[in-house]
Structures are given as structure tokens and as C-alpha cells.
N, C-alpha and C. Protein backbone atom coordinates (compact mmCIF):
# COMPACT_ATOMS: atom_id res chain seq x y z
N MET A 1 31.15 -48.36 13.31
CA MET A 1 29.96 -47.60 13.00
C MET A 1 30.29 -46.60 11.89
N SER A 2 29.54 -46.63 10.82
CA SER A 2 29.84 -45.74 9.70
C SER A 2 28.83 -44.61 9.63
N VAL A 3 29.29 -43.49 9.13
CA VAL A 3 28.46 -42.30 8.99
C VAL A 3 27.79 -42.36 7.61
N PRO A 4 26.47 -42.12 7.55
CA PRO A 4 25.82 -42.17 6.24
C PRO A 4 26.32 -41.03 5.35
N PRO A 5 26.40 -41.25 4.05
CA PRO A 5 26.91 -40.20 3.16
C PRO A 5 25.94 -39.03 3.08
N LYS A 6 26.50 -37.83 2.91
CA LYS A 6 25.69 -36.62 2.78
C LYS A 6 25.04 -36.60 1.41
N PRO A 7 23.76 -36.22 1.34
CA PRO A 7 23.15 -36.10 0.01
C PRO A 7 23.76 -34.91 -0.72
N GLU A 8 24.00 -35.07 -1.99
CA GLU A 8 24.60 -33.99 -2.77
C GLU A 8 23.52 -33.04 -3.25
N THR A 9 23.62 -31.79 -2.82
CA THR A 9 22.67 -30.76 -3.27
C THR A 9 23.46 -29.61 -3.86
N PRO A 10 22.97 -29.06 -4.95
CA PRO A 10 23.69 -27.93 -5.53
C PRO A 10 23.55 -26.69 -4.66
N PRO A 11 24.58 -25.86 -4.59
CA PRO A 11 24.49 -24.64 -3.77
C PRO A 11 23.47 -23.67 -4.37
N ALA A 12 22.78 -22.93 -3.51
CA ALA A 12 21.77 -21.96 -3.96
C ALA A 12 22.45 -20.74 -4.55
N ASN A 13 21.89 -20.20 -5.60
CA ASN A 13 22.35 -18.97 -6.24
C ASN A 13 23.79 -19.04 -6.73
N ASP A 14 24.24 -20.21 -7.11
CA ASP A 14 25.59 -20.41 -7.63
C ASP A 14 26.66 -19.93 -6.65
N ALA A 15 26.38 -20.01 -5.38
CA ALA A 15 27.37 -19.62 -4.37
C ALA A 15 28.35 -20.77 -4.18
N PRO A 16 29.59 -20.44 -3.81
CA PRO A 16 30.55 -21.51 -3.56
C PRO A 16 30.08 -22.40 -2.41
N GLU A 17 30.55 -23.63 -2.42
CA GLU A 17 30.14 -24.55 -1.36
C GLU A 17 30.59 -24.04 0.00
N GLY A 18 29.73 -24.22 0.99
CA GLY A 18 30.07 -23.81 2.33
C GLY A 18 29.66 -22.38 2.65
N VAL A 19 29.28 -21.60 1.65
CA VAL A 19 28.85 -20.22 1.88
C VAL A 19 27.34 -20.21 2.04
N LEU A 20 26.89 -19.67 3.15
CA LEU A 20 25.45 -19.59 3.40
C LEU A 20 24.86 -18.39 2.66
N THR A 21 23.77 -18.61 1.98
CA THR A 21 23.08 -17.52 1.31
C THR A 21 21.69 -17.40 1.89
N ARG A 22 21.23 -16.18 1.97
CA ARG A 22 19.91 -15.93 2.53
C ARG A 22 18.96 -15.60 1.38
N ARG A 23 17.84 -16.30 1.33
CA ARG A 23 16.85 -16.05 0.29
C ARG A 23 15.93 -14.92 0.73
N THR A 24 15.52 -14.11 -0.22
CA THR A 24 14.61 -13.02 0.05
C THR A 24 13.21 -13.59 0.29
N PRO A 25 12.51 -13.12 1.33
CA PRO A 25 11.13 -13.60 1.53
C PRO A 25 10.27 -13.25 0.31
N TRP A 26 9.24 -14.04 0.08
CA TRP A 26 8.43 -13.85 -1.12
C TRP A 26 7.77 -12.49 -1.17
N TRP A 27 7.44 -11.90 -0.05
CA TRP A 27 6.75 -10.61 -0.08
C TRP A 27 7.70 -9.45 -0.38
N ARG A 28 8.99 -9.69 -0.39
CA ARG A 28 9.95 -8.66 -0.76
C ARG A 28 10.49 -8.86 -2.17
N ASN A 29 10.07 -9.90 -2.83
CA ASN A 29 10.58 -10.23 -4.14
C ASN A 29 9.77 -9.50 -5.21
N TRP A 30 10.42 -8.72 -6.02
CA TRP A 30 9.72 -7.95 -7.04
C TRP A 30 9.12 -8.86 -8.10
N LYS A 31 9.68 -10.06 -8.27
CA LYS A 31 9.14 -10.99 -9.26
C LYS A 31 7.78 -11.54 -8.84
N VAL A 32 7.45 -11.39 -7.58
CA VAL A 32 6.13 -11.78 -7.09
C VAL A 32 5.21 -10.57 -7.02
N MET A 33 5.71 -9.47 -6.47
CA MET A 33 4.87 -8.31 -6.21
C MET A 33 4.47 -7.53 -7.46
N LEU A 34 5.36 -7.41 -8.41
CA LEU A 34 5.01 -6.67 -9.63
C LEU A 34 3.86 -7.34 -10.38
N PRO A 35 3.91 -8.66 -10.61
CA PRO A 35 2.74 -9.29 -11.25
C PRO A 35 1.49 -9.21 -10.38
N LEU A 36 1.66 -9.23 -9.05
CA LEU A 36 0.50 -9.11 -8.16
C LEU A 36 -0.17 -7.75 -8.35
N TRP A 37 0.62 -6.66 -8.37
CA TRP A 37 0.05 -5.33 -8.57
C TRP A 37 -0.54 -5.18 -9.96
N LEU A 38 0.11 -5.77 -10.97
CA LEU A 38 -0.46 -5.72 -12.32
C LEU A 38 -1.79 -6.49 -12.37
N GLY A 39 -1.84 -7.62 -11.68
CA GLY A 39 -3.09 -8.39 -11.60
C GLY A 39 -4.19 -7.61 -10.89
N ILE A 40 -3.83 -6.93 -9.80
CA ILE A 40 -4.81 -6.11 -9.09
C ILE A 40 -5.33 -5.01 -10.01
N ALA A 41 -4.43 -4.36 -10.74
CA ALA A 41 -4.84 -3.28 -11.65
C ALA A 41 -5.76 -3.81 -12.74
N VAL A 42 -5.43 -4.96 -13.30
CA VAL A 42 -6.27 -5.54 -14.36
C VAL A 42 -7.64 -5.91 -13.80
N LEU A 43 -7.68 -6.53 -12.63
CA LEU A 43 -8.96 -6.92 -12.04
C LEU A 43 -9.81 -5.71 -11.67
N VAL A 44 -9.19 -4.64 -11.18
CA VAL A 44 -9.93 -3.42 -10.88
C VAL A 44 -10.50 -2.84 -12.17
N GLY A 45 -9.69 -2.81 -13.22
CA GLY A 45 -10.16 -2.31 -14.50
C GLY A 45 -11.32 -3.12 -15.04
N LEU A 46 -11.21 -4.45 -14.94
CA LEU A 46 -12.31 -5.31 -15.40
C LEU A 46 -13.56 -5.12 -14.55
N GLY A 47 -13.35 -4.98 -13.25
CA GLY A 47 -14.49 -4.76 -12.36
C GLY A 47 -15.21 -3.47 -12.68
N LEU A 48 -14.46 -2.40 -12.95
CA LEU A 48 -15.09 -1.13 -13.31
C LEU A 48 -15.76 -1.22 -14.69
N HIS A 49 -15.15 -1.96 -15.60
CA HIS A 49 -15.72 -2.11 -16.94
C HIS A 49 -17.06 -2.86 -16.90
N PHE A 50 -17.14 -3.89 -16.06
CA PHE A 50 -18.35 -4.70 -15.96
C PHE A 50 -19.28 -4.24 -14.85
N ASN A 51 -19.09 -3.03 -14.36
CA ASN A 51 -19.96 -2.39 -13.37
C ASN A 51 -20.13 -3.21 -12.09
N VAL A 52 -19.04 -3.77 -11.59
CA VAL A 52 -19.06 -4.44 -10.30
C VAL A 52 -19.13 -3.35 -9.23
N ASP A 53 -19.82 -3.64 -8.14
CA ASP A 53 -19.96 -2.66 -7.06
C ASP A 53 -18.59 -2.19 -6.59
N ARG A 54 -18.42 -0.89 -6.48
CA ARG A 54 -17.12 -0.31 -6.11
C ARG A 54 -16.69 -0.72 -4.71
N GLY A 55 -17.64 -0.95 -3.82
CA GLY A 55 -17.30 -1.41 -2.48
C GLY A 55 -16.67 -2.80 -2.49
N VAL A 56 -17.17 -3.66 -3.39
CA VAL A 56 -16.60 -5.00 -3.52
C VAL A 56 -15.17 -4.91 -4.08
N ILE A 57 -14.98 -4.04 -5.07
CA ILE A 57 -13.65 -3.87 -5.65
C ILE A 57 -12.68 -3.34 -4.59
N ALA A 58 -13.08 -2.31 -3.87
CA ALA A 58 -12.21 -1.72 -2.85
C ALA A 58 -11.90 -2.72 -1.75
N GLY A 59 -12.90 -3.43 -1.29
CA GLY A 59 -12.68 -4.44 -0.25
C GLY A 59 -11.74 -5.54 -0.69
N SER A 60 -11.88 -5.96 -1.95
CA SER A 60 -11.00 -7.00 -2.48
C SER A 60 -9.56 -6.52 -2.56
N VAL A 61 -9.37 -5.30 -3.03
CA VAL A 61 -8.01 -4.75 -3.13
C VAL A 61 -7.39 -4.62 -1.73
N VAL A 62 -8.16 -4.14 -0.77
CA VAL A 62 -7.64 -4.00 0.59
C VAL A 62 -7.30 -5.37 1.17
N ALA A 63 -8.17 -6.36 0.98
CA ALA A 63 -7.91 -7.70 1.51
C ALA A 63 -6.66 -8.31 0.88
N ILE A 64 -6.56 -8.24 -0.45
CA ILE A 64 -5.38 -8.81 -1.13
C ILE A 64 -4.13 -8.05 -0.72
N GLY A 65 -4.23 -6.72 -0.63
CA GLY A 65 -3.07 -5.92 -0.27
C GLY A 65 -2.57 -6.19 1.14
N LEU A 66 -3.49 -6.38 2.07
CA LEU A 66 -3.09 -6.64 3.45
C LEU A 66 -2.55 -8.06 3.63
N ILE A 67 -3.18 -9.02 2.97
CA ILE A 67 -2.73 -10.41 3.11
C ILE A 67 -1.35 -10.60 2.48
N SER A 68 -1.12 -9.97 1.35
CA SER A 68 0.13 -10.19 0.63
C SER A 68 1.22 -9.17 0.93
N ASN A 69 0.97 -8.21 1.79
CA ASN A 69 1.92 -7.13 2.09
C ASN A 69 2.23 -6.28 0.86
N ALA A 70 1.29 -6.20 -0.06
CA ALA A 70 1.51 -5.46 -1.31
C ALA A 70 1.63 -3.96 -1.05
N PHE A 71 0.90 -3.45 -0.07
CA PHE A 71 0.96 -2.02 0.23
C PHE A 71 2.34 -1.64 0.76
N ALA A 72 2.89 -2.48 1.62
CA ALA A 72 4.23 -2.21 2.16
C ALA A 72 5.27 -2.24 1.05
N TRP A 73 5.13 -3.18 0.12
CA TRP A 73 6.07 -3.26 -1.00
C TRP A 73 5.97 -2.03 -1.87
N LEU A 74 4.73 -1.58 -2.15
CA LEU A 74 4.55 -0.40 -2.99
C LEU A 74 5.13 0.84 -2.31
N LEU A 75 4.94 0.98 -1.01
CA LEU A 75 5.55 2.10 -0.30
C LEU A 75 7.07 2.02 -0.34
N GLY A 76 7.61 0.81 -0.28
CA GLY A 76 9.06 0.64 -0.40
C GLY A 76 9.58 1.07 -1.76
N VAL A 77 8.82 0.75 -2.80
CA VAL A 77 9.22 1.16 -4.16
C VAL A 77 9.15 2.68 -4.29
N ILE A 78 8.10 3.28 -3.74
CA ILE A 78 7.98 4.74 -3.79
C ILE A 78 9.13 5.39 -3.02
N ALA A 79 9.52 4.78 -1.90
CA ALA A 79 10.61 5.34 -1.09
C ALA A 79 11.96 5.30 -1.80
N LEU A 80 12.08 4.50 -2.85
CA LEU A 80 13.34 4.43 -3.59
C LEU A 80 13.59 5.65 -4.47
N VAL A 81 12.56 6.43 -4.74
CA VAL A 81 12.73 7.63 -5.56
C VAL A 81 13.53 8.65 -4.75
N PRO A 82 14.62 9.16 -5.30
CA PRO A 82 15.46 10.07 -4.52
C PRO A 82 14.72 11.35 -4.11
N VAL A 83 15.05 11.87 -2.97
CA VAL A 83 14.60 13.11 -2.35
C VAL A 83 13.10 13.09 -2.03
N ILE A 84 12.24 12.97 -3.01
CA ILE A 84 10.80 13.12 -2.76
C ILE A 84 10.14 11.81 -2.33
N GLY A 85 10.72 10.65 -2.67
CA GLY A 85 10.13 9.37 -2.33
C GLY A 85 9.94 9.15 -0.83
N PRO A 86 11.00 9.31 -0.02
CA PRO A 86 10.82 9.14 1.42
C PRO A 86 9.83 10.13 2.03
N VAL A 87 9.77 11.32 1.47
CA VAL A 87 8.81 12.31 1.98
C VAL A 87 7.38 11.87 1.69
N ILE A 88 7.15 11.35 0.49
CA ILE A 88 5.82 10.86 0.13
C ILE A 88 5.41 9.71 1.04
N VAL A 89 6.33 8.81 1.32
CA VAL A 89 6.03 7.69 2.20
C VAL A 89 5.69 8.17 3.60
N LYS A 90 6.44 9.15 4.10
CA LYS A 90 6.14 9.69 5.42
C LYS A 90 4.77 10.35 5.45
N VAL A 91 4.43 11.07 4.40
CA VAL A 91 3.13 11.72 4.35
C VAL A 91 2.02 10.69 4.32
N LEU A 92 2.20 9.63 3.51
CA LEU A 92 1.16 8.61 3.41
C LEU A 92 0.99 7.82 4.70
N SER A 93 2.00 7.80 5.52
CA SER A 93 1.90 7.01 6.74
C SER A 93 1.62 7.86 7.98
N ILE A 94 1.28 9.10 7.80
CA ILE A 94 0.93 9.93 8.95
C ILE A 94 -0.44 9.47 9.48
N GLY A 95 -0.43 8.98 10.68
CA GLY A 95 -1.66 8.46 11.27
C GLY A 95 -2.73 9.52 11.47
N PHE A 96 -2.31 10.75 11.74
CA PHE A 96 -3.28 11.82 11.98
C PHE A 96 -4.16 12.05 10.77
N ILE A 97 -3.57 12.03 9.58
CA ILE A 97 -4.36 12.25 8.37
C ILE A 97 -5.33 11.11 8.16
N TRP A 98 -4.87 9.88 8.41
CA TRP A 98 -5.77 8.73 8.26
C TRP A 98 -6.92 8.83 9.26
N LEU A 99 -6.62 9.19 10.48
CA LEU A 99 -7.65 9.30 11.51
C LEU A 99 -8.64 10.41 11.18
N LEU A 100 -8.13 11.56 10.73
CA LEU A 100 -9.00 12.67 10.35
C LEU A 100 -9.94 12.27 9.21
N ASN A 101 -9.41 11.58 8.24
CA ASN A 101 -10.22 11.15 7.11
C ASN A 101 -11.27 10.12 7.55
N ALA A 102 -10.92 9.19 8.41
CA ALA A 102 -11.86 8.17 8.88
C ALA A 102 -13.00 8.81 9.67
N VAL A 103 -12.68 9.75 10.55
CA VAL A 103 -13.72 10.45 11.32
C VAL A 103 -14.62 11.24 10.38
N GLY A 104 -14.04 11.84 9.35
CA GLY A 104 -14.82 12.58 8.37
C GLY A 104 -15.82 11.69 7.65
N TYR A 105 -15.40 10.50 7.27
CA TYR A 105 -16.32 9.58 6.60
C TYR A 105 -17.43 9.14 7.54
N LEU A 106 -17.10 8.88 8.79
CA LEU A 106 -18.12 8.47 9.76
C LEU A 106 -19.15 9.57 9.98
N VAL A 107 -18.68 10.79 10.16
CA VAL A 107 -19.60 11.92 10.35
C VAL A 107 -20.40 12.16 9.08
N SER A 108 -19.81 11.99 7.92
CA SER A 108 -20.53 12.16 6.65
C SER A 108 -21.66 11.16 6.56
N TYR A 109 -21.38 9.93 6.89
CA TYR A 109 -22.41 8.90 6.83
C TYR A 109 -23.60 9.25 7.73
N ILE A 110 -23.30 9.67 8.95
CA ILE A 110 -24.38 10.01 9.88
C ILE A 110 -25.14 11.24 9.39
N ALA A 111 -24.44 12.25 8.91
CA ALA A 111 -25.09 13.48 8.45
C ALA A 111 -25.95 13.22 7.21
N ILE A 112 -25.48 12.42 6.28
CA ILE A 112 -26.26 12.12 5.08
C ILE A 112 -27.52 11.35 5.46
N ARG A 113 -27.42 10.45 6.40
CA ARG A 113 -28.60 9.70 6.85
C ARG A 113 -29.65 10.62 7.48
N ARG A 114 -29.20 11.73 8.06
CA ARG A 114 -30.14 12.67 8.70
C ARG A 114 -30.60 13.76 7.75
N GLY A 115 -30.09 13.80 6.51
CA GLY A 115 -30.58 14.74 5.53
C GLY A 115 -29.74 16.00 5.34
N TYR A 116 -28.53 16.00 5.80
CA TYR A 116 -27.67 17.18 5.67
C TYR A 116 -26.64 16.99 4.55
N SER A 117 -27.06 16.50 3.41
CA SER A 117 -26.11 16.16 2.36
C SER A 117 -25.40 17.39 1.79
N LYS A 118 -26.08 18.53 1.67
CA LYS A 118 -25.43 19.73 1.13
C LYS A 118 -24.35 20.24 2.10
N ASP A 119 -24.63 20.21 3.38
CA ASP A 119 -23.63 20.61 4.38
C ASP A 119 -22.44 19.65 4.39
N VAL A 120 -22.72 18.37 4.15
CA VAL A 120 -21.64 17.39 4.12
C VAL A 120 -20.67 17.70 2.98
N LEU A 121 -21.21 18.05 1.82
CA LEU A 121 -20.36 18.40 0.69
C LEU A 121 -19.47 19.59 1.03
N THR A 122 -20.02 20.57 1.70
CA THR A 122 -19.25 21.76 2.06
C THR A 122 -18.11 21.40 3.01
N TYR A 123 -18.42 20.68 4.07
CA TYR A 123 -17.37 20.44 5.05
C TYR A 123 -16.39 19.37 4.57
N ARG A 124 -16.82 18.43 3.69
CA ARG A 124 -15.86 17.47 3.14
C ARG A 124 -14.87 18.18 2.22
N GLY A 125 -15.35 19.15 1.47
CA GLY A 125 -14.44 19.94 0.64
C GLY A 125 -13.46 20.70 1.49
N LEU A 126 -13.94 21.25 2.60
CA LEU A 126 -13.06 21.96 3.52
C LEU A 126 -12.04 21.00 4.15
N THR A 127 -12.48 19.81 4.51
CA THR A 127 -11.58 18.82 5.09
C THR A 127 -10.50 18.41 4.10
N VAL A 128 -10.88 18.18 2.86
CA VAL A 128 -9.90 17.81 1.83
C VAL A 128 -8.90 18.94 1.63
N ALA A 129 -9.38 20.19 1.64
CA ALA A 129 -8.48 21.33 1.48
C ALA A 129 -7.49 21.41 2.65
N ILE A 130 -7.97 21.15 3.86
CA ILE A 130 -7.08 21.17 5.03
C ILE A 130 -6.05 20.06 4.94
N ILE A 131 -6.47 18.86 4.54
CA ILE A 131 -5.53 17.74 4.42
C ILE A 131 -4.48 18.04 3.36
N ILE A 132 -4.90 18.58 2.23
CA ILE A 132 -3.94 18.93 1.17
C ILE A 132 -2.98 20.00 1.68
N GLY A 133 -3.48 20.96 2.43
CA GLY A 133 -2.61 21.99 3.00
C GLY A 133 -1.60 21.41 3.97
N ILE A 134 -2.03 20.47 4.80
CA ILE A 134 -1.11 19.82 5.74
C ILE A 134 -0.03 19.06 4.98
N VAL A 135 -0.43 18.33 3.94
CA VAL A 135 0.53 17.55 3.16
C VAL A 135 1.52 18.46 2.46
N ILE A 136 1.04 19.53 1.84
CA ILE A 136 1.94 20.46 1.15
C ILE A 136 2.90 21.11 2.16
N GLY A 137 2.38 21.51 3.31
CA GLY A 137 3.24 22.09 4.34
C GLY A 137 4.27 21.10 4.84
N PHE A 138 3.89 19.85 5.00
CA PHE A 138 4.84 18.82 5.45
C PHE A 138 5.94 18.61 4.41
N VAL A 139 5.55 18.52 3.14
CA VAL A 139 6.53 18.31 2.08
C VAL A 139 7.49 19.51 1.98
N LEU A 140 6.93 20.72 1.99
CA LEU A 140 7.79 21.90 1.92
C LEU A 140 8.71 22.00 3.13
N GLY A 141 8.18 21.65 4.31
CA GLY A 141 9.00 21.69 5.51
C GLY A 141 10.15 20.69 5.45
N LYS A 142 9.94 19.53 4.83
CA LYS A 142 11.01 18.55 4.71
C LYS A 142 12.03 18.94 3.64
N LEU A 143 11.58 19.63 2.58
CA LEU A 143 12.48 19.99 1.50
C LEU A 143 13.29 21.24 1.79
N ILE A 144 12.75 22.12 2.61
CA ILE A 144 13.46 23.40 2.87
C ILE A 144 14.37 23.25 4.06
């Protein structure tokens, strides 16, 4: 009984024979993600130039970003900046700020529908000021 010959395949990444190499997943490869982000930027620019509805543009960017893990890659790139990069990533990923902002938008929508648009502007400005204060305090607390 004879053993069939092994097919000859070249080693990946010019590694010596017998050495296992691990390929980077496509969502971590900068050669994929950088053109993806450039494409998103170009499409957003074209959409704004041709007066496409901003909700459609935002929804498309969120859908593409979530499907392709582009947001995670961008946060990883930001985290590479020494000292301030990891702090920025931590601030952007604080769930409390995201939750506060989401509740603010929901309340704004309801208040505007009931005719309180001037009050909404006042409290949204106050909310943005509070969020900026929290972020500045968090950054200063991490740096000091």
C-alpha cells in the first residue's frame, strides 16, 4: 500500500517549511480597513454634496461600521497614540455617556413634538456642557 504524494505548496509569508504562521483576520488588517474608512469618508462627502438625507448617510455609516468592525479598528488606531490615545478610547467607550446622550435625544424628540423646542435647546446645551465636563474631568483624572 503506497502513500499518495503530498501536494507541494509554497509556505505562507516566506516562512521556512514546517513553521506555522498565523494570518491576521481581515478586520484587523490595515490594508482593508484604511481603504474602507477612506471610502466611507468619500461617500459621506458625496452624500452631503448631493444633499442626501443625513439620516440615510448616518444609518449607512453605522451599518457599514458595525458589519465590518470598522469602529473597533478606528478605536484601536486611536489607542496607539501614546499617553492620550488610551484615555480617549476609554472616554469614548464609557457607557454612561452614551446612555445619557440617548435618553437626551429621546426626551428631546418627545418635547419637540409637544412644542417645547426652546426649552429643549436650553437643556440640550446644558447636557452637552455636563458631558464635556465629565470628559474633561476624566481625562485630567487619568493624566494627573
